[in-house]
Amino acid sequence: MNIADTPYAANYNSFYRSLRKRTLLQGGL
């Protein structure tokens, strides 16, 4: 089973992007 083919992967990707955006705004923790 390839995890990249699951809807979970898409949710994780969007979550990771927003999380990274937040850390960049906080000074790149």
PDB file of N, CA and C in Angstrom:
ATOM      1  N   MET A   1       0.847  -1.202   0.000  1.00  0.00           N
ATOM      2  CA  MET A   1       0.000   0.000   0.000  1.00  0.00           C
ATOM      3  C   MET A   1       0.884   1.254   0.000  1.00  0.00           C
ATOM      4  N   ASN A   2       0.652   2.096  -0.962  1.00  0.00           N
ATOM      5  CA  ASN A   2       1.414   3.335  -1.046  1.00  0.00           C
ATOM      6  C   ASN A   2       0.654   4.425  -0.311  1.00  0.00           C
ATOM      7  N   ILE A   3       1.267   4.970   0.723  1.00  0.00           N
ATOM      8  CA  ILE A   3       0.570   5.959   1.563  1.00  0.00           C
ATOM      9  C   ILE A   3       0.294   7.254   0.803  1.00  0.00           C
ATOM     10  N   ALA A   4       1.043   7.480  -0.260  1.00  0.00           N
ATOM     11  CA  ALA A   4       0.850   8.704  -1.036  1.00  0.00           C
ATOM     12  C   ALA A   4      -0.450   8.659  -1.841  1.00  0.00           C
ATOM     13  N   ASP A   5      -1.043   7.471  -1.947  1.00  0.00           N
ATOM     14  CA  ASP A   5      -2.277   7.316  -2.728  1.00  0.00           C
ATOM     15  C   ASP A   5      -3.521   7.504  -1.870  1.00  0.00           C
ATOM     16  N   THR A   6      -3.336   7.710  -0.577  1.00  0.00           N
ATOM     17  CA  THR A   6      -4.483   7.805   0.317  1.00  0.00           C
ATOM     18  C   THR A   6      -4.888   9.258   0.544  1.00  0.00           C
ATOM     19  N   PRO A   7      -6.151   9.497   0.830  1.00  0.00           N
ATOM     20  CA  PRO A   7      -6.623  10.853   1.145  1.00  0.00           C
ATOM     21  C   PRO A   7      -5.877  11.419   2.356  1.00  0.00           C
ATOM     22  N   TYR A   8      -5.410  10.526   3.222  1.00  0.00           N
ATOM     23  CA  TYR A   8      -4.666  10.953   4.407  1.00  0.00           C
ATOM     24  C   TYR A   8      -3.413  11.722   3.995  1.00  0.00           C
ATOM     25  N   ALA A   9      -2.778  11.284   2.924  1.00  0.00           N
ATOM     26  CA  ALA A   9      -1.551  11.942   2.454  1.00  0.00           C
ATOM     27  C   ALA A   9      -1.852  13.373   2.031  1.00  0.00           C
ATOM     28  N   ALA A  10      -2.955  13.581   1.360  1.00  0.00           N
ATOM     29  CA  ALA A  10      -3.329  14.923   0.910  1.00  0.00           C
ATOM     30  C   ALA A  10      -3.604  15.814   2.126  1.00  0.00           C
ATOM     31  N   ASN A  11      -4.295  15.270   3.121  1.00  0.00           N
ATOM     32  CA  ASN A  11      -4.578  16.038   4.331  1.00  0.00           C
ATOM     33  C   ASN A  11      -3.284  16.385   5.051  1.00  0.00           C
ATOM     34  N   TYR A  12      -2.362  15.425   5.100  1.00  0.00           N
ATOM     35  CA  TYR A  12      -1.089  15.645   5.778  1.00  0.00           C
ATOM     36  C   TYR A  12      -0.271  16.703   5.048  1.00  0.00           C
ATOM     37  N   ASN A  13      -0.295  16.660   3.716  1.00  0.00           N
ATOM     38  CA  ASN A  13       0.462  17.629   2.932  1.00  0.00           C
ATOM     39  C   ASN A  13      -0.032  19.047   3.183  1.00  0.00           C
ATOM     40  N   SER A  14      -1.342  19.238   3.182  1.00  0.00           N
ATOM     41  CA  SER A  14      -1.895  20.577   3.409  1.00  0.00           C
ATOM     42  C   SER A  14      -1.612  21.030   4.851  1.00  0.00           C
ATOM     43  N   PHE A  15      -1.717  20.082   5.770  1.00  0.00           N
ATOM     44  CA  PHE A  15      -1.438  20.394   7.177  1.00  0.00           C
ATOM     45  C   PHE A  15       0.028  20.788   7.352  1.00  0.00           C
ATOM     46  N   TYR A  16       0.916  20.043   6.680  1.00  0.00           N
ATOM     47  CA  TYR A  16       2.346  20.308   6.788  1.00  0.00           C
ATOM     48  C   TYR A  16       2.691  21.672   6.195  1.00  0.00           C
ATOM     49  N   ARG A  17       2.034  22.002   5.079  1.00  0.00           N
ATOM     50  CA  ARG A  17       2.293  23.303   4.445  1.00  0.00           C
ATOM     51  C   ARG A  17       1.882  24.442   5.375  1.00  0.00           C
ATOM     52  N   SER A  18       0.697  24.341   5.975  1.00  0.00           N
ATOM     53  CA  SER A  18       0.233  25.411   6.864  1.00  0.00           C
ATOM     54  C   SER A  18       1.119  25.477   8.117  1.00  0.00           C
ATOM     55  N   LEU A  19       1.541  24.305   8.588  1.00  0.00           N
ATOM     56  CA  LEU A  19       2.401  24.272   9.764  1.00  0.00           C
ATOM     57  C   LEU A  19       3.732  24.941   9.456  1.00  0.00           C
ATOM     58  N   ARG A  20       4.292  24.668   8.271  1.00  0.00           N
ATOM     59  CA  ARG A  20       5.558  25.264   7.877  1.00  0.00           C
ATOM     60  C   ARG A  20       5.419  26.773   7.706  1.00  0.00           C
ATOM     61  N   LYS A  21       4.274  27.187   7.140  1.00  0.00           N
ATOM     62  CA  LYS A  21       4.032  28.614   6.954  1.00  0.00           C
ATOM     63  C   LYS A  21       4.012  29.303   8.321  1.00  0.00           C
ATOM     64  N   ARG A  22       3.392  28.655   9.301  1.00  0.00           N
ATOM     65  CA  ARG A  22       3.273  29.230  10.633  1.00  0.00           C
ATOM     66  C   ARG A  22       4.651  29.338  11.286  1.00  0.00           C
ATOM     67  N   THR A  23       5.474  28.313  11.148  1.00  0.00           N
ATOM     68  CA  THR A  23       6.798  28.352  11.769  1.00  0.00           C
ATOM     69  C   THR A  23       7.671  29.394  11.088  1.00  0.00           C
ATOM     70  N   LEU A  24       7.507  29.574   9.776  1.00  0.00           N
ATOM     71  CA  LEU A  24       8.274  30.597   9.073  1.00  0.00           C
ATOM     72  C   LEU A  24       7.878  31.978   9.565  1.00  0.00           C
ATOM     73  N   LEU A  25       6.583  32.163   9.821  1.00  0.00           N
ATOM     74  CA  LEU A  25       6.119  33.451  10.322  1.00  0.00           C
ATOM     75  C   LEU A  25       6.636  33.691  11.739  1.00  0.00           C
ATOM     76  N   GLN A  26       6.841  32.614  12.486  1.00  0.00           N
ATOM     77  CA  GLN A  26       7.307  32.740  13.863  1.00  0.00           C
ATOM     78  C   GLN A  26       8.831  32.870  13.935  1.00  0.00           C
ATOM     79  N   GLY A  27       9.493  32.852  12.796  1.00  0.00           N
ATOM     80  CA  GLY A  27      10.945  33.028  12.790  1.00  0.00           C
ATOM     81  C   GLY A  27      11.703  31.781  12.376  1.00  0.00           C
ATOM     82  N   GLY A  28      11.020  30.824  11.736  1.00  0.00           N
ATOM     83  CA  GLY A  28      11.694  29.619  11.249  1.00  0.00           C
ATOM     84  C   GLY A  28      12.227  28.754  12.371  1.00  0.00           C
ATOM     85  N   LEU A  29      11.364  28.446  13.335  1.00  0.00           N
ATOM     86  CA  LEU A  29      11.763  27.616  14.466  1.00  0.00           C
ATOM     87  C   LEU A  29      12.360  26.282  14.015  1.00  0.00           C
TER      88      LEU A  29
END
